[in-house]
N, C-alpha and C. Protein backbone atom coordinates (compact mmCIF):
# COMPACT_ATOMS: atom_id res chain seq x y z
N MET A 1 1.11 -1.34 -0.27
CA MET A 1 0.12 0.23 -0.16
C MET A 1 1.01 1.27 0.06
N MET A 2 0.46 1.92 -0.98
CA MET A 2 1.60 3.20 -1.21
C MET A 2 0.73 4.57 -0.02
N HIS A 3 1.50 4.94 0.42
CA HIS A 3 1.40 5.86 1.49
C HIS A 3 1.55 7.59 0.89
N SER A 4 0.55 8.61 1.13
CA SER A 4 0.58 9.79 0.67
C SER A 4 0.45 10.89 1.57
N LYS A 5 0.66 12.06 1.43
CA LYS A 5 0.18 13.00 2.32
C LYS A 5 -0.87 13.95 1.38
N ARG A 6 -1.97 14.11 2.27
CA ARG A 6 -2.90 15.21 1.45
C ARG A 6 -3.51 16.22 2.67
N PRO A 7 -3.17 17.20 2.28
CA PRO A 7 -3.59 18.81 3.06
C PRO A 7 -4.87 18.88 3.28
N ASN A 8 -5.49 19.03 4.65
CA ASN A 8 -7.00 19.36 4.59
C ASN A 8 -6.80 20.67 5.49
N ASP A 9 -7.97 21.30 5.81
CA ASP A 9 -7.96 22.53 6.62
C ASP A 9 -7.59 22.58 7.68
N VAL A 10 -7.57 21.32 8.49
CA VAL A 10 -7.18 21.22 10.02
C VAL A 10 -5.47 21.03 9.65
N GLU A 11 -5.28 19.86 9.09
CA GLU A 11 -3.85 19.44 9.25
C GLU A 11 -3.66 18.11 8.37
N ARG A 12 -2.33 18.06 8.16
CA ARG A 12 -1.98 17.11 7.10
C ARG A 12 -2.69 15.35 7.56
N ALA A 13 -2.82 14.62 7.02
CA ALA A 13 -3.18 13.30 7.50
C ALA A 13 -2.63 12.44 6.34
N TRP A 14 -2.35 11.04 6.84
CA TRP A 14 -2.05 9.95 6.07
C TRP A 14 -3.28 9.20 5.14
N VAL A 15 -2.99 9.15 3.70
CA VAL A 15 -4.33 8.50 3.22
C VAL A 15 -3.68 7.37 2.07
N ASP A 16 -4.79 6.50 2.07
CA ASP A 16 -3.95 5.35 0.98
C ASP A 16 -4.10 5.89 -0.76
N ARG A 17 -3.96 4.97 -1.60
CA ARG A 17 -4.27 5.55 -2.97
C ARG A 17 -5.82 5.88 -3.26
N LYS A 18 -6.87 5.13 -2.61
CA LYS A 18 -8.06 5.78 -2.98
C LYS A 18 -8.40 6.90 -2.29
N GLY A 19 -7.54 7.73 -1.52
CA GLY A 19 -7.93 8.83 -0.67
C GLY A 19 -8.50 8.90 0.60
N GLU A 20 -8.66 7.40 0.80
CA GLU A 20 -9.15 6.90 2.34
C GLU A 20 -8.44 7.07 3.56
N PRO A 21 -8.71 7.98 4.53
CA PRO A 21 -7.89 8.20 5.92
C PRO A 21 -7.45 7.05 6.28
N ILE A 22 -6.08 7.01 6.58
CA ILE A 22 -5.44 5.72 7.32
C ILE A 22 -5.26 5.92 8.96
N ASN A 23 -5.74 5.31 9.72
CA ASN A 23 -5.62 5.24 11.24
C ASN A 23 -4.08 4.89 11.27
N VAL A 24 -3.35 5.90 11.75
CA VAL A 24 -2.16 5.82 12.06
C VAL A 24 -1.89 4.97 13.05
N ASP A 25 -2.30 5.26 14.09
CA ASP A 25 -2.05 4.61 15.32
C ASP A 25 -2.41 3.35 15.43
N ARG A 26 -3.22 2.93 14.36
CA ARG A 26 -3.78 1.21 14.59
C ARG A 26 -2.75 0.51 13.44
N ALA A 27 -2.33 1.67 12.27
CA ALA A 27 -1.19 1.05 11.59
C ALA A 27 0.25 0.70 12.49
N TRP A 28 0.48 1.56 13.17
CA TRP A 28 1.78 1.58 14.04
C TRP A 28 1.63 0.40 14.95
N GLN A 29 0.74 0.00 15.62
CA GLN A 29 0.30 -0.92 16.56
C GLN A 29 0.55 -2.48 15.92
N LYS A 30 0.12 -2.47 14.41
CA LYS A 30 0.38 -3.74 13.97
C LYS A 30 1.94 -3.89 13.56
N SER A 31 2.49 -2.88 12.83
CA SER A 31 3.72 -2.76 12.61
C SER A 31 4.38 -3.07 13.84
N ASP A 32 4.27 -2.70 14.99
CA ASP A 32 5.26 -2.56 16.47
C ASP A 32 5.07 -4.49 16.96
N ALA A 33 3.82 -5.03 16.48
CA ALA A 33 3.63 -6.23 16.86
C ALA A 33 4.31 -7.33 16.34
N ARG A 34 4.05 -6.80 14.84
CA ARG A 34 5.16 -7.71 13.94
C ARG A 34 6.92 -7.50 14.27
N ILE A 35 6.92 -6.51 14.43
CA ILE A 35 8.38 -6.27 14.85
C ILE A 35 8.76 -7.04 16.20
N ALA A 36 7.75 -6.81 17.36
CA ALA A 36 8.34 -7.85 18.64
C ALA A 36 8.12 -9.23 18.28
N LEU A 37 7.03 -9.65 17.26
CA LEU A 37 6.97 -10.84 17.06
C LEU A 37 8.48 -11.71 16.69
N THR A 38 9.07 -10.86 15.38
CA THR A 38 10.44 -10.95 14.80
C THR A 38 11.37 -11.36 16.03
N ARG A 39 11.17 -10.13 16.79
CA ARG A 39 12.53 -10.23 17.87
C ARG A 39 12.19 -11.28 19.06
N ARG A 40 11.09 -11.53 19.17
CA ARG A 40 10.96 -12.94 20.18
C ARG A 40 11.83 -14.01 19.46
N GLU A 41 11.04 -14.29 18.40
CA GLU A 41 11.49 -15.27 17.70
C GLU A 41 13.01 -15.69 17.53
N GLN A 42 13.91 -14.35 17.17
CA GLN A 42 15.18 -14.24 17.18
C GLN A 42 15.86 -14.31 18.83
N ALA A 43 14.91 -13.60 19.48
CA ALA A 43 15.71 -14.11 21.18
C ALA A 43 15.68 -15.67 21.20
N MET A 44 14.51 -16.16 21.00
CA MET A 44 14.32 -17.74 21.28
C MET A 44 15.61 -18.66 20.46
N LEU A 45 15.68 -18.20 19.31
CA LEU A 45 16.82 -18.65 18.51
C LEU A 45 18.34 -18.32 19.11
N ALA A 46 18.24 -17.29 19.60
CA ALA A 46 19.59 -17.04 20.23
C ALA A 46 19.76 -17.93 21.38
N ALA A 47 18.59 -18.05 22.02
CA ALA A 47 18.68 -19.04 23.23
C ALA A 47 19.20 -20.56 22.66
N ALA A 48 18.73 -20.95 21.58
CA ALA A 48 19.04 -22.05 21.16
C ALA A 48 20.33 -22.29 20.48
N GLY A 49 20.92 -21.27 20.37
CA GLY A 49 22.62 -21.22 19.97
C GLY A 49 23.26 -20.89 21.24
N MET A 50 22.89 -20.99 22.24
CA MET A 50 23.63 -20.87 23.68
C MET A 50 24.66 -21.93 23.83
N ASP A 51 25.73 -22.04 24.49
CA ASP A 51 26.59 -22.70 24.37
C ASP A 51 26.91 -23.07 26.10
N GLY A 52 27.60 -23.93 26.70
CA GLY A 52 28.27 -24.09 27.85
C GLY A 52 28.24 -25.35 28.10
N PRO A 53 28.48 -25.64 29.53
CA PRO A 53 28.32 -27.27 30.03
C PRO A 53 27.39 -27.85 30.17
N GLU A 54 26.30 -27.16 29.73
CA GLU A 54 24.59 -27.54 30.06
C GLU A 54 24.68 -28.38 28.92
N ALA A 55 25.35 -27.95 27.57
CA ALA A 55 24.49 -27.90 26.31
C ALA A 55 24.87 -29.62 25.85
N GLN A 56 24.09 -29.93 25.42
CA GLN A 56 23.59 -31.45 25.07
C GLN A 56 23.36 -31.36 24.04
N TRP A 57 23.56 -33.06 22.79
CA TRP A 57 23.18 -33.27 21.84
C TRP A 57 21.71 -33.52 21.73
N TYR A 58 20.78 -33.40 21.09
CA TYR A 58 19.09 -33.78 20.79
C TYR A 58 19.10 -33.85 19.34
N VAL A 59 17.92 -34.79 19.02
CA VAL A 59 17.73 -34.89 18.11
C VAL A 59 16.04 -34.23 17.21
N LEU A 60 16.21 -33.45 16.27
CA LEU A 60 15.04 -32.81 15.96
C LEU A 60 14.24 -33.45 14.89
N ARG A 61 13.30 -33.81 15.03
CA ARG A 61 12.22 -34.20 13.93
C ARG A 61 11.71 -33.03 13.00
N VAL A 62 11.95 -33.03 11.51
CA VAL A 62 11.69 -32.37 10.68
C VAL A 62 11.01 -32.83 9.36
N GLU A 63 10.35 -31.92 9.02
CA GLU A 63 9.23 -32.50 7.87
C GLU A 63 10.11 -33.00 6.82
N GLU A 64 9.11 -33.90 5.99
CA GLU A 64 9.78 -34.73 4.77
C GLU A 64 10.49 -33.78 3.94
N ARG A 65 11.74 -34.22 3.45
CA ARG A 65 12.30 -33.48 2.41
C ARG A 65 12.68 -32.12 2.94
N ALA A 66 12.95 -31.71 3.89
CA ALA A 66 13.02 -30.40 4.75
C ALA A 66 14.46 -30.75 5.12
N ASP A 67 15.28 -31.63 5.35
CA ASP A 67 16.39 -31.78 6.13
C ASP A 67 17.52 -30.65 5.47
N ILE A 68 17.66 -30.51 4.51
CA ILE A 68 18.92 -29.43 3.83
C ILE A 68 18.42 -28.52 3.89
N ALA A 69 17.03 -27.85 3.90
CA ALA A 69 16.54 -26.36 4.38
C ALA A 69 16.81 -26.04 5.93
N VAL A 70 16.36 -27.15 6.26
CA VAL A 70 16.47 -26.65 8.28
C VAL A 70 17.84 -26.89 8.20
N ASP A 71 18.58 -27.74 7.79
CA ASP A 71 20.34 -27.63 8.31
C ASP A 71 20.89 -25.99 7.88
N LYS A 72 20.44 -25.57 6.98
CA LYS A 72 20.97 -24.14 6.30
C LYS A 72 20.69 -23.32 7.08
N LEU A 73 19.44 -23.23 7.92
CA LEU A 73 18.49 -22.16 8.53
C LEU A 73 19.18 -22.62 10.05
N LEU A 74 19.44 -23.33 10.37
CA LEU A 74 19.65 -23.69 11.71
C LEU A 74 21.56 -23.19 11.66
N GLU A 75 22.30 -23.37 10.79
CA GLU A 75 23.45 -22.60 10.37
C GLU A 75 23.48 -21.26 10.48
N CYS A 76 22.39 -20.57 9.89
CA CYS A 76 22.29 -19.26 9.55
C CYS A 76 22.05 -18.85 11.03
N ALA A 77 21.41 -19.69 11.92
CA ALA A 77 21.06 -19.10 13.26
C ALA A 77 22.20 -19.30 14.52
N ASN A 78 23.01 -19.67 13.76
CA ASN A 78 24.47 -20.07 14.34
C ASN A 78 24.01 -21.28 15.98
N VAL A 79 23.21 -22.37 15.12
CA VAL A 79 22.77 -23.00 16.09
C VAL A 79 23.97 -24.65 15.74
N GLU A 80 24.37 -24.74 16.66
CA GLU A 80 25.50 -26.40 16.60
C GLU A 80 24.73 -27.16 15.69
N ARG A 81 24.90 -27.69 14.71
CA ARG A 81 24.02 -28.76 14.18
C ARG A 81 24.85 -30.16 13.18
N TRP A 82 24.41 -30.95 13.09
CA TRP A 82 24.75 -31.85 12.34
C TRP A 82 23.56 -32.51 11.90
N MET A 83 23.79 -32.82 10.55
CA MET A 83 22.77 -33.78 9.63
C MET A 83 23.68 -34.66 8.79
N ALA A 84 23.39 -35.75 9.00
CA ALA A 84 24.24 -36.90 8.81
C ALA A 84 23.73 -37.15 7.19
N THR A 85 24.90 -37.43 6.44
CA THR A 85 25.03 -37.24 5.26
C THR A 85 25.51 -38.82 4.49
N LYS A 86 25.50 -38.81 2.97
CA LYS A 86 26.01 -40.27 2.59
C LYS A 86 26.38 -39.48 1.13
N SER A 87 27.35 -40.28 0.19
CA SER A 87 27.68 -39.63 -0.96
C SER A 87 26.95 -40.58 -2.01
N VAL A 88 25.80 -40.11 -2.76
CA VAL A 88 25.23 -41.11 -3.65
C VAL A 88 25.42 -40.67 -5.39
N LEU A 89 25.45 -41.50 -6.22
CA LEU A 89 25.46 -41.12 -7.44
C LEU A 89 23.79 -41.26 -8.03
N PRO A 90 23.60 -39.78 -8.55
CA PRO A 90 22.22 -39.40 -8.75
C PRO A 90 21.79 -40.38 -10.31
N PRO A 91 20.81 -40.77 -10.44
CA PRO A 91 20.09 -41.96 -11.56
C PRO A 91 20.44 -41.34 -12.80
N ARG A 92 20.96 -42.40 -13.49
CA ARG A 92 21.20 -41.46 -14.90
C ARG A 92 19.98 -41.19 -15.77
N ARG A 93 20.23 -40.43 -16.69
CA ARG A 93 19.28 -40.14 -17.74
C ARG A 93 19.28 -41.07 -18.68
N SER A 94 18.57 -41.55 -19.01
CA SER A 94 18.38 -42.38 -20.32
C SER A 94 19.07 -41.96 -21.58
N ASP A 95 18.97 -40.58 -21.70
CA ASP A 95 19.70 -40.24 -22.96
C ASP A 95 20.83 -39.48 -22.61
N ARG A 96 21.54 -40.15 -21.37
CA ARG A 96 22.96 -39.43 -21.02
C ARG A 96 23.51 -40.45 -20.61
N LYS A 97 23.61 -41.79 -21.23
CA LYS A 97 24.24 -43.14 -20.82
C LYS A 97 25.80 -42.79 -20.45
N LYS A 98 26.25 -42.28 -21.25
CA LYS A 98 27.88 -42.15 -21.61
C LYS A 98 28.36 -41.24 -20.48
N GLN A 99 27.50 -40.23 -20.11
CA GLN A 99 27.85 -39.05 -19.13
C GLN A 99 28.25 -39.26 -17.62
N ARG A 100 29.35 -38.88 -17.31
CA ARG A 100 29.86 -39.43 -15.93
C ARG A 100 29.07 -38.57 -14.82
N SER A 101 28.48 -39.54 -13.91
CA SER A 101 27.63 -39.00 -12.90
C SER A 101 28.74 -38.51 -11.52
N THR A 102 28.07 -37.19 -11.08
CA THR A 102 29.14 -36.75 -9.86
C THR A 102 27.98 -37.09 -9.04
N PRO A 103 28.84 -37.87 -7.77
CA PRO A 103 28.28 -37.85 -6.52
C PRO A 103 27.75 -36.75 -5.92
N VAL A 104 26.60 -36.91 -5.42
CA VAL A 104 26.18 -35.54 -4.43
C VAL A 104 25.72 -35.87 -2.98
N LEU A 105 25.66 -35.26 -2.12
CA LEU A 105 25.49 -35.59 -0.95
C LEU A 105 23.89 -35.65 -0.65
N MET A 106 23.53 -36.60 0.16
CA MET A 106 22.16 -36.87 0.46
C MET A 106 22.02 -37.33 1.94
N PRO A 107 21.00 -36.39 2.65
CA PRO A 107 20.41 -37.18 4.19
C PRO A 107 20.74 -38.66 4.20
N ALA A 108 21.57 -39.14 5.24
CA ALA A 108 21.54 -40.27 5.31
C ALA A 108 20.39 -41.05 6.48
N LEU A 109 20.21 -40.23 7.09
CA LEU A 109 19.02 -40.27 8.38
C LEU A 109 18.04 -39.36 8.14
N PRO A 110 17.07 -39.35 6.87
CA PRO A 110 16.11 -38.50 6.55
C PRO A 110 14.91 -38.42 7.66
N GLY A 111 14.46 -37.17 8.03
CA GLY A 111 13.63 -36.57 8.86
C GLY A 111 14.26 -36.45 10.37
N TYR A 112 15.61 -36.37 10.20
CA TYR A 112 16.47 -36.17 11.64
C TYR A 112 17.49 -35.03 11.33
N VAL A 113 17.42 -34.07 12.21
CA VAL A 113 18.75 -33.32 12.28
C VAL A 113 19.08 -33.43 13.53
N PHE A 114 20.30 -33.34 14.30
CA PHE A 114 20.84 -33.13 15.48
C PHE A 114 21.20 -31.70 15.65
N VAL A 115 20.93 -31.34 16.94
CA VAL A 115 21.63 -30.01 17.33
C VAL A 115 22.00 -30.21 18.56
N ARG A 116 23.23 -29.29 18.91
CA ARG A 116 23.79 -29.26 20.42
C ARG A 116 23.32 -28.33 21.07
N VAL A 117 22.38 -28.19 21.79
CA VAL A 117 21.81 -27.02 22.64
C VAL A 117 21.64 -27.10 24.05
N VAL A 118 21.29 -25.71 24.62
CA VAL A 118 21.17 -26.03 26.11
C VAL A 118 19.45 -25.97 26.14
N SER A 119 19.27 -27.34 26.63
CA SER A 119 17.67 -27.37 27.07
C SER A 119 16.62 -26.79 27.96
N CYS A 120 16.24 -25.72 27.41
CA CYS A 120 15.28 -25.06 28.00
C CYS A 120 14.12 -24.70 27.07
N ALA A 121 13.09 -24.22 28.03
CA ALA A 121 11.72 -23.66 27.11
C ALA A 121 11.88 -22.83 26.11
N LEU A 122 12.79 -21.98 26.24
CA LEU A 122 13.10 -20.73 25.17
C LEU A 122 13.83 -21.65 23.80
N THR A 123 14.67 -22.44 24.23
CA THR A 123 15.31 -23.18 23.14
C THR A 123 14.50 -24.07 22.10
N TRP A 124 13.32 -24.80 22.66
CA TRP A 124 12.80 -25.43 21.89
C TRP A 124 11.32 -24.67 21.38
N ALA A 125 11.20 -23.66 21.75
CA ALA A 125 10.05 -22.92 21.37
C ALA A 125 10.86 -21.96 20.19
N GLY A 126 12.17 -21.41 20.40
CA GLY A 126 12.89 -21.02 19.28
C GLY A 126 12.88 -21.92 18.25
N LEU A 127 13.64 -23.22 18.07
CA LEU A 127 13.77 -24.11 17.13
C LEU A 127 12.64 -24.32 16.71
N LYS A 128 11.26 -24.47 17.37
CA LYS A 128 10.07 -24.61 16.39
C LYS A 128 9.47 -23.58 15.33
N THR A 129 10.36 -22.41 15.86
CA THR A 129 9.92 -21.38 14.63
C THR A 129 10.88 -21.23 13.27
N VAL A 130 11.93 -22.65 13.31
CA VAL A 130 12.36 -22.48 11.98
C VAL A 130 11.52 -23.58 11.23
N LYS A 131 11.36 -22.88 9.85
CA LYS A 131 10.35 -23.66 9.15
C LYS A 131 11.15 -25.24 8.97
N GLY A 132 10.00 -26.07 8.82
CA GLY A 132 10.51 -27.56 8.61
C GLY A 132 10.46 -27.94 10.08
N VAL A 133 10.60 -27.57 11.23
CA VAL A 133 11.09 -28.27 12.10
C VAL A 133 9.70 -28.72 12.70
N VAL A 134 9.87 -30.08 13.08
CA VAL A 134 8.08 -30.67 13.85
C VAL A 134 8.31 -30.56 15.39
N ASP A 135 9.75 -31.10 15.77
CA ASP A 135 9.81 -31.35 17.53
C ASP A 135 11.20 -32.03 17.48
N VAL A 136 11.32 -31.86 19.01
CA VAL A 136 12.64 -32.60 19.28
C VAL A 136 11.97 -34.10 19.84
N LEU A 137 12.91 -34.78 19.47
CA LEU A 137 12.58 -36.28 19.81
C LEU A 137 12.52 -36.37 21.32
N GLY A 138 11.37 -36.90 21.52
CA GLY A 138 10.93 -36.89 23.15
C GLY A 138 10.04 -35.74 23.28
N GLY A 139 10.02 -34.75 22.71
CA GLY A 139 9.22 -33.54 23.16
C GLY A 139 9.82 -32.76 24.07
N ALA A 140 9.15 -31.58 23.70
CA ALA A 140 9.71 -30.07 24.54
C ALA A 140 9.83 -30.59 26.09
N ASP A 141 8.82 -31.14 26.62
CA ASP A 141 8.79 -31.53 28.08
C ASP A 141 9.74 -32.74 28.67
N ASN A 142 10.28 -33.74 27.64
CA ASN A 142 11.10 -34.69 28.19
C ASN A 142 11.90 -34.71 27.03
N PRO A 143 12.52 -33.89 26.44
CA PRO A 143 13.64 -34.33 25.22
C PRO A 143 14.72 -35.40 25.61
N LYS A 144 15.23 -36.28 24.84
CA LYS A 144 16.16 -37.43 25.15
C LYS A 144 17.47 -36.96 24.23
N PRO A 145 18.45 -36.60 25.52
CA PRO A 145 19.94 -36.23 24.84
C PRO A 145 20.30 -37.47 24.42
N VAL A 146 21.35 -37.00 23.66
CA VAL A 146 22.09 -38.14 22.82
C VAL A 146 23.76 -37.87 23.25
N LYS A 147 24.52 -38.84 23.99
CA LYS A 147 25.78 -38.77 24.17
C LYS A 147 26.67 -38.12 23.11
N ALA A 148 27.79 -37.34 23.26
CA ALA A 148 28.48 -37.01 22.37
C ALA A 148 29.48 -38.12 21.65
N GLY A 149 29.62 -39.26 22.60
CA GLY A 149 30.10 -40.73 21.99
C GLY A 149 29.41 -40.91 21.12
N GLU A 150 28.57 -41.05 21.13
CA GLU A 150 27.32 -41.70 20.02
C GLU A 150 27.20 -41.08 18.71
N ILE A 151 27.35 -39.29 18.88
CA ILE A 151 27.31 -38.97 17.64
C ILE A 151 28.82 -39.03 16.94
N LEU A 152 29.62 -39.00 17.51
CA LEU A 152 30.80 -39.56 16.86
C LEU A 152 30.86 -40.81 16.32
N LYS A 153 29.96 -41.75 16.92
CA LYS A 153 30.26 -43.16 15.99
C LYS A 153 29.46 -42.88 15.16
N LEU A 154 28.45 -42.39 15.12
CA LEU A 154 27.56 -42.07 13.96
C LEU A 154 28.23 -41.53 12.68
N GLN A 155 28.97 -40.33 13.23
CA GLN A 155 29.68 -39.73 12.09
C GLN A 155 30.64 -40.71 11.49
N ALA A 156 31.38 -41.65 12.29
CA ALA A 156 32.70 -42.32 11.96
C ALA A 156 32.18 -43.87 10.87
N PHE A 157 30.81 -43.81 11.32
CA PHE A 157 30.17 -44.99 10.71
C PHE A 157 29.02 -44.72 9.52
N ILE A 158 28.78 -43.46 9.50
CA ILE A 158 27.78 -43.12 8.33
C ILE A 158 28.49 -42.12 7.16
N GLU A 159 29.58 -41.49 7.61
CA GLU A 159 30.44 -40.53 6.93
C GLU A 159 31.77 -40.77 6.81
N LYS A 160 32.24 -41.70 7.58
CA LYS A 160 33.91 -41.69 7.44
C LYS A 160 34.56 -40.60 8.12
N ASN A 161 33.98 -39.95 8.84
CA ASN A 161 34.36 -38.37 9.31
C ASN A 161 35.73 -38.72 10.07
N PRO A 162 37.01 -38.31 9.48
CA PRO A 162 38.09 -38.38 10.16
C PRO A 162 38.41 -38.17 11.13
N ARG A 163 38.02 -36.79 11.57
CA ARG A 163 37.90 -36.58 12.76
C ARG A 163 37.26 -37.36 14.23
N ALA A 164 36.18 -37.68 13.97
CA ALA A 164 35.52 -38.50 14.68
C ALA A 164 36.09 -39.87 14.93
N ILE A 165 36.96 -40.45 13.66
CA ILE A 165 37.62 -41.97 13.97
C ILE A 165 38.69 -41.63 14.62
N GLU A 166 39.42 -40.35 14.25
CA GLU A 166 40.77 -40.16 15.12
C GLU A 166 40.25 -40.26 16.85
N VAL A 167 38.99 -39.45 17.08
CA VAL A 167 38.78 -39.45 18.64
C VAL A 167 38.41 -40.70 19.01
N LEU A 168 37.71 -41.04 18.27
CA LEU A 168 37.30 -42.69 18.29
C LEU A 168 38.28 -43.76 18.95
N THR A 169 39.29 -43.41 17.99
CA THR A 169 40.90 -44.59 18.11
C THR A 169 41.52 -44.08 19.59
N ASN A 170 41.81 -43.09 19.54
CA ASN A 170 42.50 -42.37 20.50
C ASN A 170 42.19 -42.65 21.79
N ALA A 171 40.47 -42.88 21.71
CA ALA A 171 39.72 -43.31 23.18
C ALA A 171 40.22 -44.91 23.48
N LEU A 172 40.57 -45.59 22.33
CA LEU A 172 40.97 -46.91 22.79
C LEU A 172 42.38 -47.32 22.67
N LYS A 173 42.74 -48.37 23.66
CA LYS A 173 44.07 -48.67 23.35
C LYS A 173 44.02 -50.74 23.53
N VAL A 174 45.07 -51.05 23.24
CA VAL A 174 45.14 -52.52 23.36
C VAL A 174 44.88 -53.07 25.00
N GLY A 175 43.86 -53.80 25.27
CA GLY A 175 43.63 -54.29 26.36
C GLY A 175 42.55 -53.57 27.00
N ASP A 176 41.86 -52.68 26.53
CA ASP A 176 40.62 -52.29 26.82
C ASP A 176 39.52 -53.00 26.96
N LYS A 177 38.77 -52.96 28.05
CA LYS A 177 37.77 -53.76 27.59
C LYS A 177 36.14 -52.89 27.42
N VAL A 178 35.50 -53.44 26.27
CA VAL A 178 34.58 -52.74 25.49
C VAL A 178 33.36 -53.51 25.17
N SER A 179 32.10 -52.80 25.03
CA SER A 179 30.98 -53.79 25.00
C SER A 179 30.55 -53.62 23.54
N ILE A 180 30.03 -54.56 22.54
CA ILE A 180 29.78 -54.44 21.51
C ILE A 180 28.29 -54.12 21.40
N ASP A 181 27.90 -53.18 20.60
CA ASP A 181 26.68 -52.62 20.64
C ASP A 181 25.88 -52.89 19.34
N SER A 182 26.36 -53.38 18.38
CA SER A 182 25.68 -54.11 17.06
C SER A 182 26.17 -55.17 16.70
N GLY A 183 25.24 -55.74 15.58
CA GLY A 183 25.62 -57.05 15.06
C GLY A 183 25.01 -58.20 15.53
N PRO A 184 25.44 -59.56 14.96
CA PRO A 184 25.11 -60.60 15.83
C PRO A 184 25.76 -60.87 17.56
N PHE A 185 26.66 -60.14 17.44
CA PHE A 185 27.18 -59.80 19.02
C PHE A 185 26.94 -59.23 20.02
N THR A 186 25.50 -58.53 19.69
CA THR A 186 25.34 -57.08 20.30
C THR A 186 25.26 -58.09 22.08
N ALA A 187 25.78 -57.16 23.07
CA ALA A 187 25.47 -57.16 24.24
C ALA A 187 26.70 -57.89 24.96
N PHE A 188 27.78 -58.43 23.90
CA PHE A 188 28.82 -59.16 24.60
C PHE A 188 30.05 -58.47 24.82
N GLU A 189 30.50 -58.43 26.01
CA GLU A 189 31.75 -57.71 26.02
C GLU A 189 33.19 -58.47 25.88
N ALA A 190 34.23 -57.46 25.39
CA ALA A 190 35.33 -57.70 24.49
C ALA A 190 36.40 -57.13 25.09
N ILE A 191 37.76 -58.07 24.78
CA ILE A 191 38.90 -57.18 25.08
C ILE A 191 39.67 -56.85 23.88
N VAL A 192 40.04 -55.27 23.67
CA VAL A 192 41.01 -55.18 22.34
C VAL A 192 42.00 -55.58 22.19
N LEU A 193 42.42 -56.42 21.29
CA LEU A 193 43.71 -57.08 20.87
C LEU A 193 44.53 -56.10 19.90
N MET A 194 44.13 -55.61 18.88
CA MET A 194 44.84 -54.74 17.92
C MET A 194 43.71 -53.75 17.48
N LEU A 195 44.18 -52.39 17.05
CA LEU A 195 43.69 -51.37 16.40
C LEU A 195 44.06 -51.60 14.81
N GLY A 196 43.10 -51.92 14.11
CA GLY A 196 43.28 -51.68 12.88
C GLY A 196 43.73 -50.57 12.19
N ASP A 197 42.84 -50.66 10.67
CA ASP A 197 43.03 -49.09 10.36
C ASP A 197 42.18 -48.22 10.99
N ALA A 198 42.17 -47.39 10.29
CA ALA A 198 40.94 -45.92 10.71
C ALA A 198 39.59 -46.58 11.11
N GLU A 199 39.09 -47.60 10.65
CA GLU A 199 37.90 -48.14 10.56
C GLU A 199 37.50 -49.31 11.59
N ARG A 200 38.31 -50.08 11.88
CA ARG A 200 38.06 -51.75 11.84
C ARG A 200 39.46 -51.60 13.57
N ILE A 201 38.88 -52.53 14.14
CA ILE A 201 39.47 -52.97 15.45
C ILE A 201 39.32 -54.69 15.46
N LYS A 202 40.17 -55.52 16.09
CA LYS A 202 40.17 -56.53 16.44
C LYS A 202 39.91 -56.81 18.21
N VAL A 203 39.09 -57.39 18.47
CA VAL A 203 38.94 -57.74 19.93
C VAL A 203 38.64 -59.57 20.13
N GLU A 204 39.06 -59.40 21.37
CA GLU A 204 38.61 -61.06 21.88
C GLU A 204 37.38 -61.49 22.72
N ALA A 205 36.37 -62.02 22.26
CA ALA A 205 35.04 -61.94 23.39
C ALA A 205 34.86 -63.46 23.66
N THR A 206 34.28 -63.53 24.88
CA THR A 206 34.24 -64.91 25.27
C THR A 206 32.75 -65.17 24.78
N LEU A 207 32.58 -66.16 24.09
CA LEU A 207 30.96 -66.80 23.00
C LEU A 207 31.11 -67.90 23.71
N PHE A 208 30.03 -68.35 24.62
CA PHE A 208 29.45 -69.55 25.25
C PHE A 208 30.55 -70.44 25.41
N GLY A 209 31.32 -69.68 26.22
CA GLY A 209 32.43 -70.19 27.04
C GLY A 209 33.97 -70.31 26.37
N ARG A 210 33.94 -70.12 25.61
CA ARG A 210 35.39 -70.05 24.32
C ARG A 210 35.90 -68.55 24.19
N ALA A 211 36.82 -68.11 24.01
CA ALA A 211 37.69 -67.16 23.46
C ALA A 211 37.73 -66.86 21.86
N THR A 212 36.71 -65.99 21.39
CA THR A 212 36.53 -65.94 20.21
C THR A 212 37.23 -64.36 19.86
N PRO A 213 37.85 -64.35 18.53
CA PRO A 213 38.44 -63.13 18.09
C PRO A 213 38.02 -62.61 17.21
N LEU A 214 37.20 -61.65 17.03
CA LEU A 214 36.38 -60.80 15.98
C LEU A 214 37.06 -59.60 15.54
N GLU A 215 36.74 -59.32 14.38
CA GLU A 215 37.20 -57.96 13.60
C GLU A 215 35.45 -57.20 13.46
N LEU A 216 35.81 -56.11 13.88
CA LEU A 216 34.61 -55.44 14.21
C LEU A 216 34.80 -53.56 13.87
N ASP A 217 33.83 -52.87 13.22
CA ASP A 217 33.79 -51.41 13.02
C ASP A 217 33.92 -50.70 14.31
N LEU A 218 34.97 -49.55 14.20
CA LEU A 218 34.98 -48.66 15.47
C LEU A 218 33.86 -48.39 16.00
N ALA A 219 32.75 -48.20 14.92
CA ALA A 219 31.46 -47.74 15.40
C ALA A 219 30.36 -48.67 16.14
N GLN A 220 30.74 -50.28 16.48
CA GLN A 220 30.27 -51.00 16.91
C GLN A 220 30.39 -51.34 18.31
N VAL A 221 31.74 -50.65 19.15
CA VAL A 221 31.69 -50.90 20.38
C VAL A 221 32.05 -49.65 20.78
N THR A 222 31.39 -49.79 22.34
CA THR A 222 31.65 -48.44 23.43
C THR A 222 32.93 -49.06 24.34
N LYS A 223 33.88 -48.16 24.84
CA LYS A 223 34.40 -48.39 25.65
C LYS A 223 33.95 -48.44 27.19
N LEU A 224 34.23 -49.64 28.07
CA LEU A 224 33.79 -49.80 29.21
C LEU A 224 34.68 -49.11 30.26
N ASP A 225 34.19 -48.51 31.34
CA ASP A 225 34.77 -47.85 32.52
C ASP A 225 35.64 -48.99 33.36
């Protein structure tokens, strides 16, 4: 709506294109309300971006096919986040069989984005203003945190993240006791025999009364205290 000034016998007043007078007070009230809402949302997102010893990893549920957009919006809001990705080859078009395909990154866990935040009402209210975010896993009243070690294991397993693998490898040494978290030997305990390449380790587990050597992915085990 274009605004212009029209003089009258008493004072100048704001009118619209049709020459109808505008209630300036009401217009400013609506404008202020919109500004206040924006500031409130910004304040809540600022709370979501807070860091400190209380910050933990949580899982956001996002709308279908909104993963990448949500990830970018969280980055713009300075919220620490991680979206698990995998490299895939796009399907070839039938008319371009000889064309070499370039791998692209796609969400490895569609529908979920991890965020590291301080859990409080402002945080969850702010994150829910991000377009595409549905809720936090467990609900805002009882969100379920994820241990930093589990995030590292996921990164090592899904993305072969060198930094995550380095941290996990340095946390283990020969002779350490570990629990097996996935695969046919889940819930068994084992002893580290050898650290293999960047992604594999050799362990010895007692299976049905016999010591059995196993080779496992690094992401399949957790060090026991």
